[in-house]
Amino acid sequence: MVPQSLRFVTQSLATFVLVIVCTVAVYSPCVSAQSRLPILGESSDLTTSAERRLGDRIIRELYRDPDYIDDPVVGDYVQGIWQPLVAAAKARGELSPELDERFAWEILLGRDRTVNAFALPGGYLGVHLGLIGVVTTRDELASVLAHELSHVTQRHISRLITQQSKQTPLLLGAMILGALAASKNPGATQALVVGGQALAMQNQLNFSRDMEREADRIGYGLMAPAGFAPQGFVSMFEKLQQANRLNDNGSWPYLRSHPLTSERMADMHSRMPPGAAAAPTAAPAGTMEHAMVAARARVLSNPGVDTLRQWVAEPQGTGFASLPANRRAAVLYAAALGSNQLRDAQGARSAARKLDELARNDPAAHRLARLLSAEIELAAGDATAALNALPAEQGAPRRPDLALRTQALLRLGRAAEGTGALQTWVATHPRDATVWQLLASSWQAQGQPLRAVRAEAEAHAARYDYAAAVDRFKAGQDLARRGGPQVDHIEASIVDTRLRAVELLLREQAAER
């Protein structure tokens, strides 16, 4: 006969297992979890499709977060670092063709001022503006992206979930032993349960530290093939070590989820060629372009009105003229953008003119200065001046240029001039919700409501808001049924086809909840 206390614990264990399954396997409906409980100790990784679905669910919520920001300038700069790293991972065999095809490989920016980046399931990465604002070279930023990329290519999230499932027998065993010992020694019960939990947690910490070391080592190997200085890893760790002096919780090394920063620095030093290891400061110095992007990240992270005013006043300081050119460019950029956010068009234009003169001999930096001038003129209401300020087009437009030019043309009533470039962009970047929305505005301005509604629907679908996308596609169907000279029957057919596809995605999305 089973004692009453043990019967209660056994019932609790069944509930505990069900919760674990629903938590770990959040990519599948929990209503069916009871029929597919895994055998205790079974080890099976997430499939790539399941991991992608899990990432899609998480990313859908992040798109709704007020801290999410789609800044074309910062995003374009980060992509310029990210894409060579992805290409290097493919060339070295770290990124398999299956993962390359199934995962999203998207980077989301957040306004958070903390120095952080993170990998999500399904090939999504998050980067805080605080990180971009702190790093002094593109090599340091590349080291962080390479580290996070390696977490994804090595399937660390899938492996972590598998490892968590392996800890379940330890916890269950400790709880059962604790129930059996309860009648004899209550103190032993608590010791057994807590001890089992501690052992499981320690195994998990060890596994997490091993994954961090693996991401460091594989990420380091991507740096040189991607065109970045591997020394960026060491200088980035030095920054982390300085930050840890302020934020460290004092845990012993074996109680941390990450290896000690000093250990990671030593590991990276040991992998450098002898000459580079002896002179870790040999990494390339920061560029003026990077200094300006970092300044933009700091301003866009919402530091507060008082901080913005300090940055606006900094170029008038006595020591400004003695600063290095890159530092002066960053100060002027922050002053111009800060003035723009404070609605001071005159102050923004003044700082932007000085920045333009300083950056004139650096093509990459000068391009950023021209984009900032166009942004300031748009905010001041002078769309013609904004168009004139944009960099001269050389080949296909880049995303920041495309966005600013479209906004200026819309205000001037010349939307038709920018439609072709927008259509070309979404053809190769179908998940760019911002450009889809610009295309919707452009079609609306040209008296093409059906095309505008379809573009709005595609913008919602790109953010995984399938319910809103279905609503807009149905609105497009209603427009097409009413007919009229503005109805394009080919566009109406596309709307019907896309509606059926997105309705299927919506049903799948609803089934996962």
Protein backbone atom coordinates (compact mmCIF):
# COMPACT_ATOMS: atom_id res chain seq x y z
CA MET A 1 0.00 0.00 0.00
CA VAL A 2 1.37 3.41 -0.95
CA PRO A 3 1.59 5.92 1.91
CA GLN A 4 -0.62 8.99 1.55
CA SER A 5 2.40 11.31 1.45
CA LEU A 6 4.05 9.30 -1.33
CA ARG A 7 0.78 9.15 -3.32
CA PHE A 8 0.58 12.96 -3.15
CA VAL A 9 4.19 13.31 -4.31
CA THR A 10 3.59 10.84 -7.17
CA GLN A 11 0.61 12.88 -8.36
CA SER A 12 2.70 16.04 -8.11
CA LEU A 13 5.43 14.42 -10.17
CA ALA A 14 2.99 13.70 -13.01
CA THR A 15 1.95 17.35 -13.02
CA PHE A 16 5.60 18.41 -12.81
CA VAL A 17 6.52 16.31 -15.87
CA LEU A 18 3.63 17.77 -17.86
CA VAL A 19 4.75 21.32 -17.01
CA ILE A 20 8.32 20.52 -18.02
CA VAL A 21 7.19 19.14 -21.37
CA CYS A 22 4.95 22.15 -22.08
CA THR A 23 7.70 24.56 -21.08
CA VAL A 24 10.51 22.90 -23.00
CA ALA A 25 8.45 22.06 -26.07
CA VAL A 26 6.71 25.42 -26.39
CA TYR A 27 6.85 25.06 -30.14
CA SER A 28 4.04 22.49 -30.01
CA PRO A 29 0.53 22.65 -28.50
CA CYS A 30 0.51 21.77 -24.81
CA VAL A 31 -2.95 20.22 -25.16
CA SER A 32 -1.37 17.23 -26.85
CA ALA A 33 1.61 16.93 -24.52
CA GLN A 34 0.02 14.18 -22.43
CA SER A 35 -0.17 11.88 -25.45
CA ARG A 36 3.45 12.43 -26.40
CA LEU A 37 5.32 12.48 -23.08
CA PRO A 38 8.94 11.50 -23.71
CA ILE A 39 10.57 8.58 -21.99
CA LEU A 40 12.60 9.84 -19.03
CA GLY A 41 16.18 10.26 -20.09
CA GLU A 42 15.34 10.30 -23.80
CA SER A 43 17.63 12.70 -25.67
CA SER A 44 16.28 14.21 -28.88
CA ASP A 45 17.17 17.64 -30.18
CA LEU A 46 14.64 20.04 -31.59
CA THR A 47 14.30 19.69 -35.32
CA THR A 48 15.37 22.72 -37.31
CA SER A 49 11.75 23.36 -38.30
CA ALA A 50 10.60 23.20 -34.68
CA GLU A 51 13.38 25.53 -33.58
CA ARG A 52 12.42 28.01 -36.30
CA ARG A 53 8.78 27.93 -35.18
CA LEU A 54 9.88 28.54 -31.61
CA GLY A 55 11.95 31.52 -32.76
CA ASP A 56 9.04 32.88 -34.78
CA ARG A 57 6.83 32.84 -31.70
CA ILE A 58 9.39 34.72 -29.65
CA ILE A 59 10.19 37.23 -32.36
CA ARG A 60 6.51 38.01 -32.88
CA GLU A 61 6.40 39.33 -29.32
CA LEU A 62 9.65 41.27 -29.70
CA TYR A 63 8.27 43.10 -32.74
CA ARG A 64 5.51 44.42 -30.47
CA ASP A 65 7.93 45.51 -27.77
CA PRO A 66 8.15 49.32 -27.55
CA ASP A 67 11.92 49.03 -27.26
CA TYR A 68 12.19 47.42 -30.69
CA ILE A 69 13.59 49.88 -33.21
CA ASP A 70 14.04 49.58 -36.96
CA ASP A 71 16.66 52.22 -37.68
CA PRO A 72 17.84 51.89 -41.29
CA VAL A 73 21.22 53.58 -40.66
CA VAL A 74 22.31 51.47 -37.68
CA GLY A 75 20.71 48.36 -39.18
CA ASP A 76 22.57 48.82 -42.47
CA TYR A 77 25.88 49.19 -40.63
CA VAL A 78 25.29 46.06 -38.53
CA GLN A 79 24.29 44.11 -41.65
CA GLY A 80 27.57 45.15 -43.27
CA ILE A 81 29.35 43.30 -40.45
CA TRP A 82 26.89 40.43 -40.13
CA GLN A 83 26.80 39.29 -43.75
CA PRO A 84 30.57 38.65 -44.09
CA LEU A 85 30.44 36.59 -40.88
CA VAL A 86 27.58 34.47 -42.23
CA ALA A 87 29.48 33.99 -45.50
CA ALA A 88 32.59 32.92 -43.55
CA ALA A 89 30.53 30.43 -41.53
CA LYS A 90 29.25 28.90 -44.76
CA ALA A 91 32.73 28.73 -46.29
CA ARG A 92 34.19 27.06 -43.19
CA GLY A 93 31.34 24.54 -42.96
CA GLU A 94 30.05 25.88 -39.63
CA LEU A 95 26.74 26.86 -41.23
CA SER A 96 25.13 23.85 -42.90
CA PRO A 97 22.94 24.23 -46.01
CA GLU A 98 19.94 23.02 -44.00
CA LEU A 99 20.32 25.70 -41.34
CA ASP A 100 21.03 28.31 -43.98
CA GLU A 101 17.76 27.48 -45.71
CA ARG A 102 15.50 26.97 -42.70
CA PHE A 103 16.64 29.70 -40.29
CA ALA A 104 15.74 33.39 -40.52
CA TRP A 105 19.18 35.03 -40.01
CA GLU A 106 17.64 38.31 -38.92
CA ILE A 107 18.99 40.86 -36.46
CA LEU A 108 16.68 42.95 -34.29
CA LEU A 109 17.79 46.16 -32.62
CA GLY A 110 16.60 47.19 -29.15
CA ARG A 111 16.77 50.60 -27.48
CA ASP A 112 18.15 49.06 -24.30
CA ARG A 113 21.26 50.92 -23.09
CA THR A 114 22.83 47.79 -21.56
CA VAL A 115 25.86 46.21 -23.25
CA ASN A 116 24.30 43.02 -24.52
CA ALA A 117 23.44 40.85 -27.50
CA PHE A 118 21.65 37.51 -27.57
CA ALA A 119 20.80 34.62 -29.86
CA LEU A 120 17.29 33.28 -30.21
CA PRO A 121 15.98 30.02 -31.70
CA GLY A 122 15.60 29.87 -35.45
CA GLY A 123 18.48 32.15 -36.43
CA TYR A 124 17.29 35.39 -34.83
CA LEU A 125 19.71 37.70 -33.03
CA GLY A 126 19.08 40.67 -30.80
CA VAL A 127 21.53 43.54 -30.39
CA HIS A 128 21.11 46.33 -27.86
CA LEU A 129 21.95 49.87 -28.93
CA GLY A 130 23.95 50.09 -25.70
CA LEU A 131 26.42 47.56 -27.11
CA ILE A 132 26.84 49.44 -30.40
CA GLY A 133 27.31 52.69 -28.50
CA VAL A 134 30.14 51.25 -26.38
CA VAL A 135 32.32 49.34 -28.85
CA THR A 136 35.08 51.45 -30.42
CA THR A 137 35.80 49.39 -33.55
CA ARG A 138 33.82 47.33 -36.02
CA ASP A 139 36.09 44.41 -35.07
CA GLU A 140 34.78 44.46 -31.50
CA LEU A 141 31.20 44.48 -32.73
CA ALA A 142 32.07 41.69 -35.18
CA SER A 143 33.43 39.59 -32.30
CA VAL A 144 30.07 39.80 -30.50
CA LEU A 145 28.11 38.96 -33.64
CA ALA A 146 30.47 36.07 -34.44
CA HIS A 147 29.98 34.70 -30.92
CA GLU A 148 26.18 34.87 -31.19
CA LEU A 149 26.24 33.44 -34.72
CA SER A 150 28.19 30.47 -33.39
CA HIS A 151 25.53 29.84 -30.74
CA VAL A 152 23.06 29.41 -33.60
CA THR A 153 25.21 27.37 -35.98
CA GLN A 154 26.15 24.97 -33.17
CA ARG A 155 22.48 24.51 -32.21
CA HIS A 156 23.20 25.49 -28.62
CA ILE A 157 19.55 26.26 -27.84
CA SER A 158 18.46 22.84 -29.06
CA ARG A 159 21.27 21.17 -27.12
CA LEU A 160 20.37 23.15 -24.00
CA ILE A 161 16.75 22.00 -24.16
CA THR A 162 17.94 18.42 -24.58
CA GLN A 163 20.24 18.81 -21.59
CA GLN A 164 17.37 20.17 -19.51
CA SER A 165 15.30 17.09 -20.35
CA LYS A 166 18.19 14.91 -19.14
CA GLN A 167 18.11 16.64 -15.74
CA THR A 168 14.47 15.59 -15.16
CA PRO A 169 15.36 12.08 -13.85
CA LEU A 170 17.72 13.65 -11.29
CA LEU A 171 14.97 15.90 -9.96
CA LEU A 172 12.36 13.14 -9.97
CA GLY A 173 14.71 10.71 -8.26
CA ALA A 174 15.53 13.22 -5.53
CA MET A 175 11.85 13.96 -4.91
CA ILE A 176 10.93 10.25 -4.69
CA LEU A 177 13.79 9.51 -2.30
CA GLY A 178 12.74 12.52 -0.27
CA ALA A 179 9.16 11.21 -0.02
CA LEU A 180 10.37 7.77 1.15
CA ALA A 181 12.60 9.33 3.79
CA ALA A 182 9.92 11.71 5.07
CA SER A 183 8.50 9.32 7.67
CA LYS A 184 11.91 8.74 9.24
CA ASN A 185 13.82 11.99 8.98
CA PRO A 186 12.18 15.22 7.71
CA GLY A 187 15.57 16.91 7.57
CA ALA A 188 16.90 14.24 5.24
CA THR A 189 13.93 14.84 2.93
CA GLN A 190 14.85 18.48 2.45
CA ALA A 191 18.52 17.63 1.99
CA LEU A 192 17.78 15.05 -0.71
CA VAL A 193 15.42 17.30 -2.65
CA VAL A 194 17.67 20.36 -2.45
CA GLY A 195 20.72 18.26 -3.24
CA GLY A 196 19.08 16.83 -6.34
CA GLN A 197 18.11 20.30 -7.51
CA ALA A 198 21.61 21.60 -6.85
CA LEU A 199 23.19 18.76 -8.84
CA ALA A 200 20.86 19.40 -11.78
CA MET A 201 21.56 23.14 -11.67
CA GLN A 202 25.32 22.58 -11.49
CA ASN A 203 25.21 20.27 -14.51
CA GLN A 204 23.23 22.92 -16.37
CA LEU A 205 25.75 25.64 -15.46
CA ASN A 206 28.63 23.44 -16.62
CA PHE A 207 26.85 22.84 -19.93
CA SER A 208 26.17 26.57 -20.37
CA ARG A 209 29.83 27.45 -19.73
CA ASP A 210 30.95 24.83 -22.25
CA MET A 211 28.64 26.34 -24.88
CA GLU A 212 30.03 29.83 -24.21
CA ARG A 213 33.57 28.57 -24.66
CA GLU A 214 32.60 26.80 -27.87
CA ALA A 215 30.93 29.96 -29.22
CA ASP A 216 34.08 31.95 -28.38
CA ARG A 217 36.37 29.55 -30.19
CA ILE A 218 34.25 29.08 -33.29
CA GLY A 219 33.44 32.78 -33.45
CA TYR A 220 37.13 33.61 -33.21
CA GLY A 221 37.77 31.37 -36.21
CA LEU A 222 35.26 33.34 -38.28
CA MET A 223 36.87 36.72 -37.75
CA ALA A 224 39.85 36.65 -40.12
CA PRO A 225 38.01 34.89 -43.00
CA ALA A 226 35.27 37.53 -42.73
CA GLY A 227 37.79 40.36 -42.95
CA PHE A 228 37.93 41.39 -39.29
CA ALA A 229 40.84 41.52 -36.86
CA PRO A 230 40.66 38.61 -34.37
CA GLN A 231 42.14 40.95 -31.75
CA GLY A 232 38.68 42.45 -31.56
CA PHE A 233 37.72 39.50 -29.36
CA VAL A 234 40.34 40.39 -26.76
CA SER A 235 39.59 44.12 -26.72
CA MET A 236 35.87 43.34 -26.38
CA PHE A 237 36.56 41.07 -23.42
CA GLU A 238 38.59 43.87 -21.84
CA LYS A 239 35.50 46.08 -22.06
CA LEU A 240 33.38 43.33 -20.53
CA GLN A 241 35.88 42.90 -17.72
CA GLN A 242 35.72 46.62 -16.95
CA ALA A 243 31.92 46.44 -16.91
CA ASN A 244 32.03 43.37 -14.67
CA ARG A 245 33.98 45.30 -12.04
CA LEU A 246 30.86 47.39 -11.60
CA ASN A 247 28.20 44.73 -12.17
CA ASP A 248 29.81 41.49 -10.96
CA ASN A 249 27.71 39.64 -8.35
CA GLY A 250 30.81 38.02 -6.86
CA SER A 251 29.80 34.43 -7.65
CA TRP A 252 32.46 31.72 -7.58
CA PRO A 253 33.54 30.54 -11.06
CA TYR A 254 31.71 27.20 -10.71
CA LEU A 255 28.41 29.05 -9.95
CA ARG A 256 28.43 31.11 -13.15
CA SER A 257 26.63 30.42 -16.42
CA HIS A 258 29.51 32.08 -18.35
CA PRO A 259 33.24 31.45 -17.91
CA LEU A 260 35.18 34.16 -16.14
CA THR A 261 36.07 36.97 -18.54
CA SER A 262 39.74 36.59 -17.61
CA GLU A 263 39.56 32.92 -18.66
CA ARG A 264 38.00 33.85 -21.98
CA MET A 265 40.64 36.53 -22.60
CA ALA A 266 43.41 34.02 -21.87
CA ASP A 267 41.82 31.54 -24.27
CA MET A 268 41.66 34.12 -27.06
CA HIS A 269 45.26 35.24 -26.39
CA SER A 270 46.44 31.64 -26.70
CA ARG A 271 44.84 31.36 -30.15
CA MET A 272 46.55 34.42 -31.58
CA PRO A 273 49.73 34.16 -33.63
CA PRO A 274 52.80 34.81 -31.43
CA GLY A 275 53.32 38.36 -32.72
CA ALA A 276 49.70 39.37 -32.32
CA ALA A 277 49.46 37.83 -28.87
CA ALA A 278 52.44 39.87 -27.74
CA ALA A 279 50.80 43.04 -29.04
CA PRO A 280 47.05 42.75 -28.55
CA THR A 281 46.65 46.46 -29.23
CA ALA A 282 47.55 45.81 -32.88
CA ALA A 283 43.86 45.62 -33.77
CA PRO A 284 42.86 48.33 -36.28
CA ALA A 285 41.80 51.63 -34.77
CA GLY A 286 38.19 52.70 -34.91
CA THR A 287 37.01 54.43 -38.07
CA MET A 288 35.15 57.72 -38.29
CA GLU A 289 32.17 55.86 -39.72
CA HIS A 290 32.03 53.56 -36.68
CA ALA A 291 32.35 56.49 -34.27
CA MET A 292 29.36 58.16 -35.93
CA VAL A 293 27.22 55.00 -35.88
CA ALA A 294 28.08 54.50 -32.20
CA ALA A 295 27.04 58.08 -31.50
CA ARG A 296 23.75 57.49 -33.31
CA ALA A 297 23.13 54.36 -31.23
CA ARG A 298 23.70 56.29 -28.01
CA VAL A 299 21.23 59.02 -29.01
CA LEU A 300 18.55 56.60 -30.22
CA SER A 301 18.68 54.62 -26.98
CA ASN A 302 16.55 57.32 -25.33
CA PRO A 303 19.09 58.69 -22.82
CA GLY A 304 16.79 61.51 -21.64
CA VAL A 305 16.42 65.22 -22.38
CA ASP A 306 19.15 66.32 -19.97
CA THR A 307 21.71 64.00 -21.58
CA LEU A 308 20.69 65.17 -25.05
CA ARG A 309 21.26 68.78 -24.01
CA GLN A 310 24.72 67.87 -22.69
CA TRP A 311 25.62 66.30 -26.03
CA VAL A 312 24.27 69.31 -27.91
CA ALA A 313 26.49 71.61 -25.84
CA GLU A 314 29.63 69.45 -26.05
CA PRO A 315 31.00 70.92 -29.35
CA GLN A 316 31.13 74.33 -27.64
CA GLY A 317 33.39 72.98 -24.89
CA THR A 318 36.95 74.24 -24.52
CA GLY A 319 38.57 70.86 -25.17
CA PHE A 320 36.60 69.99 -28.30
CA ALA A 321 39.17 71.28 -30.81
CA SER A 322 41.94 69.12 -29.32
CA LEU A 323 40.00 65.86 -29.67
CA PRO A 324 40.97 63.32 -32.37
CA ALA A 325 39.04 63.64 -35.62
CA ASN A 326 36.98 60.49 -35.01
CA ARG A 327 35.96 61.68 -31.59
CA ARG A 328 35.03 65.13 -32.92
CA ALA A 329 32.90 63.49 -35.62
CA ALA A 330 31.06 61.46 -32.97
CA VAL A 331 30.48 64.57 -30.84
CA LEU A 332 29.13 66.55 -33.79
CA TYR A 333 26.93 63.67 -34.91
CA ALA A 334 25.42 63.30 -31.43
CA ALA A 335 24.92 67.09 -31.22
CA ALA A 336 23.18 67.25 -34.60
CA LEU A 337 20.93 64.25 -33.98
CA GLY A 338 20.24 65.35 -30.40
CA SER A 339 19.23 68.83 -31.59
CA ASN A 340 16.97 67.21 -34.16
CA GLN A 341 15.25 65.17 -31.46
CA LEU A 342 14.85 68.33 -29.37
CA ARG A 343 13.15 70.01 -32.38
CA ASP A 344 15.96 72.51 -32.78
CA ALA A 345 16.33 72.59 -36.56
CA GLN A 346 18.79 75.49 -36.58
CA GLY A 347 21.11 73.83 -34.07
CA ALA A 348 20.87 70.50 -35.89
CA ARG A 349 21.74 72.10 -39.23
CA SER A 350 24.69 73.96 -37.73
CA ALA A 351 26.22 70.81 -36.22
CA ALA A 352 25.49 68.82 -39.41
CA ARG A 353 27.33 71.38 -41.57
CA LYS A 354 30.41 71.14 -39.35
CA LEU A 355 30.21 67.35 -39.46
CA ASP A 356 29.91 67.37 -43.25
CA GLU A 357 33.08 69.47 -43.53
CA LEU A 358 35.01 67.27 -41.10
CA ALA A 359 33.99 64.01 -42.84
CA ARG A 360 34.45 65.24 -46.41
CA ASN A 361 37.65 63.22 -47.03
CA ASP A 362 36.24 59.96 -45.62
CA PRO A 363 33.68 58.54 -48.13
CA ALA A 364 31.93 56.21 -45.67
CA ALA A 365 31.71 58.85 -42.95
CA HIS A 366 30.68 61.54 -45.43
CA ARG A 367 27.82 59.35 -46.62
CA LEU A 368 26.53 59.09 -43.04
CA ALA A 369 26.81 62.87 -42.65
CA ARG A 370 24.73 63.39 -45.81
CA LEU A 371 22.08 60.94 -44.61
CA LEU A 372 21.89 62.79 -41.30
CA SER A 373 21.46 66.11 -43.11
CA ALA A 374 18.61 64.63 -45.15
CA GLU A 375 17.00 63.33 -41.97
CA ILE A 376 17.24 66.77 -40.37
CA GLU A 377 15.73 68.52 -43.41
CA LEU A 378 12.83 66.05 -43.46
CA ALA A 379 12.15 66.72 -39.78
CA ALA A 380 12.25 70.48 -40.53
CA GLY A 381 9.69 70.02 -43.32
CA ASP A 382 11.96 70.81 -46.28
CA ALA A 383 11.64 67.71 -48.50
CA THR A 384 13.45 69.34 -51.43
CA ALA A 385 16.49 70.07 -49.28
CA ALA A 386 16.34 66.49 -47.98
CA LEU A 387 16.50 65.12 -51.53
CA ASN A 388 19.42 67.39 -52.36
CA ALA A 389 21.27 66.31 -49.21
CA LEU A 390 21.10 62.59 -49.98
CA PRO A 391 24.30 60.94 -51.23
CA ALA A 392 24.57 60.54 -55.00
CA GLU A 393 23.18 57.18 -56.07
CA GLN A 394 25.75 54.63 -57.21
CA GLY A 395 24.06 51.44 -58.32
CA ALA A 396 21.15 49.99 -56.35
CA PRO A 397 20.14 52.21 -53.40
CA ARG A 398 20.95 51.06 -49.90
CA ARG A 399 18.17 50.78 -47.36
CA PRO A 400 18.73 54.10 -45.49
CA ASP A 401 18.90 56.04 -48.77
CA LEU A 402 15.81 54.25 -50.06
CA ALA A 403 13.76 55.04 -46.95
CA LEU A 404 14.72 58.73 -46.78
CA ARG A 405 14.27 59.30 -50.52
CA THR A 406 10.82 57.68 -50.46
CA GLN A 407 9.70 59.84 -47.54
CA ALA A 408 10.89 62.99 -49.31
CA LEU A 409 9.18 62.03 -52.59
CA LEU A 410 5.93 61.31 -50.78
CA ARG A 411 5.94 64.77 -49.24
CA LEU A 412 6.64 66.36 -52.62
CA GLY A 413 3.81 64.47 -54.33
CA ARG A 414 6.27 62.56 -56.53
CA ALA A 415 5.67 59.09 -55.15
CA ALA A 416 5.76 57.43 -58.57
CA GLU A 417 9.49 58.21 -58.87
CA GLY A 418 10.36 55.91 -56.00
CA THR A 419 7.95 53.00 -56.54
CA GLY A 420 10.23 51.00 -58.81
CA ALA A 421 13.09 50.96 -56.30
CA LEU A 422 10.71 49.93 -53.50
CA GLN A 423 9.32 47.04 -55.56
CA THR A 424 12.81 45.85 -56.41
CA TRP A 425 13.77 45.92 -52.73
CA VAL A 426 10.79 43.89 -51.44
CA ALA A 427 11.30 41.37 -54.23
CA THR A 428 14.69 40.49 -52.72
CA HIS A 429 13.79 41.32 -49.08
CA PRO A 430 10.20 40.05 -48.69
CA ARG A 431 10.30 40.23 -44.88
CA ASP A 432 11.13 43.95 -44.73
CA ALA A 433 7.97 45.29 -43.09
CA THR A 434 9.17 48.90 -43.08
CA VAL A 435 9.72 49.02 -46.84
CA TRP A 436 6.40 47.25 -47.46
CA GLN A 437 4.74 50.02 -45.46
CA LEU A 438 6.54 52.69 -47.49
CA LEU A 439 5.37 50.95 -50.66
CA ALA A 440 1.80 50.98 -49.33
CA SER A 441 2.02 54.74 -48.77
CA SER A 442 3.48 55.18 -52.25
CA TRP A 443 0.68 53.21 -53.93
CA GLN A 444 -1.96 55.05 -51.92
CA ALA A 445 -0.52 58.39 -53.02
CA GLN A 446 -0.77 57.25 -56.65
CA GLY A 447 -4.44 56.29 -56.36
CA GLN A 448 -3.81 52.52 -56.34
CA PRO A 449 -5.78 51.40 -53.24
CA LEU A 450 -5.74 47.66 -54.02
CA ARG A 451 -1.95 47.57 -54.30
CA ALA A 452 -1.68 49.72 -51.18
CA VAL A 453 -3.86 47.34 -49.17
CA ARG A 454 -1.86 44.34 -50.37
CA ALA A 455 1.40 46.03 -49.34
CA GLU A 456 -0.05 46.77 -45.89
CA ALA A 457 -1.00 43.11 -45.56
CA GLU A 458 2.52 42.02 -46.52
CA ALA A 459 3.94 44.38 -43.88
CA HIS A 460 1.82 42.68 -41.19
CA ALA A 461 2.76 39.22 -42.46
CA ALA A 462 6.46 40.13 -42.31
CA ARG A 463 6.03 40.77 -38.56
CA TYR A 464 4.14 37.47 -38.09
CA ASP A 465 0.90 39.32 -37.33
CA TYR A 466 -1.08 36.98 -39.52
CA ALA A 467 -4.48 38.03 -38.13
CA ALA A 468 -3.92 41.63 -39.23
CA ALA A 469 -2.54 40.44 -42.57
CA VAL A 470 -5.66 38.32 -43.23
CA ASP A 471 -7.83 41.32 -42.38
CA ARG A 472 -6.04 43.51 -44.93
CA PHE A 473 -6.06 40.83 -47.64
CA LYS A 474 -9.82 40.43 -47.16
CA ALA A 475 -10.18 44.20 -47.46
CA GLY A 476 -8.31 43.89 -50.74
CA GLN A 477 -10.74 41.23 -51.91
CA ASP A 478 -13.65 43.54 -51.13
CA LEU A 479 -12.03 46.31 -53.17
CA ALA A 480 -11.52 43.96 -56.09
CA ARG A 481 -15.14 42.76 -55.99
CA ARG A 482 -16.44 46.31 -56.16
CA GLY A 483 -14.50 46.71 -59.39
CA GLY A 484 -13.73 50.02 -61.03
CA PRO A 485 -11.04 51.39 -63.33
CA GLN A 486 -8.36 51.20 -60.63
CA VAL A 487 -8.68 47.44 -60.08
CA ASP A 488 -5.76 45.44 -61.45
CA HIS A 489 -6.99 41.86 -62.01
CA ILE A 490 -3.46 40.47 -61.74
CA GLU A 491 -3.08 42.19 -58.36
CA ALA A 492 -6.49 40.83 -57.31
CA SER A 493 -5.33 37.31 -58.17
CA ILE A 494 -2.18 37.82 -56.09
CA VAL A 495 -4.32 38.99 -53.16
CA ASP A 496 -6.47 35.83 -53.38
CA THR A 497 -3.42 33.57 -53.46
CA ARG A 498 -1.66 35.32 -50.60
CA LEU A 499 -4.84 35.32 -48.50
CA ARG A 500 -5.08 31.53 -48.70
CA ALA A 501 -1.40 31.15 -47.79
CA VAL A 502 -1.59 33.50 -44.81
CA GLU A 503 -4.84 31.97 -43.55
CA LEU A 504 -3.01 28.65 -43.38
CA LEU A 505 -0.18 30.27 -41.42
CA LEU A 506 -2.74 31.87 -39.09
CA ARG A 507 -4.33 28.48 -38.37
CA GLU A 508 -0.92 26.98 -37.62
CA GLN A 509 -0.12 29.92 -35.38
CA ALA A 510 -3.40 29.53 -33.48
CA ALA A 511 -2.78 25.79 -33.01
CA GLU A 512 0.55 26.51 -31.30
CA ARG A 513 -1.00 28.58 -28.54
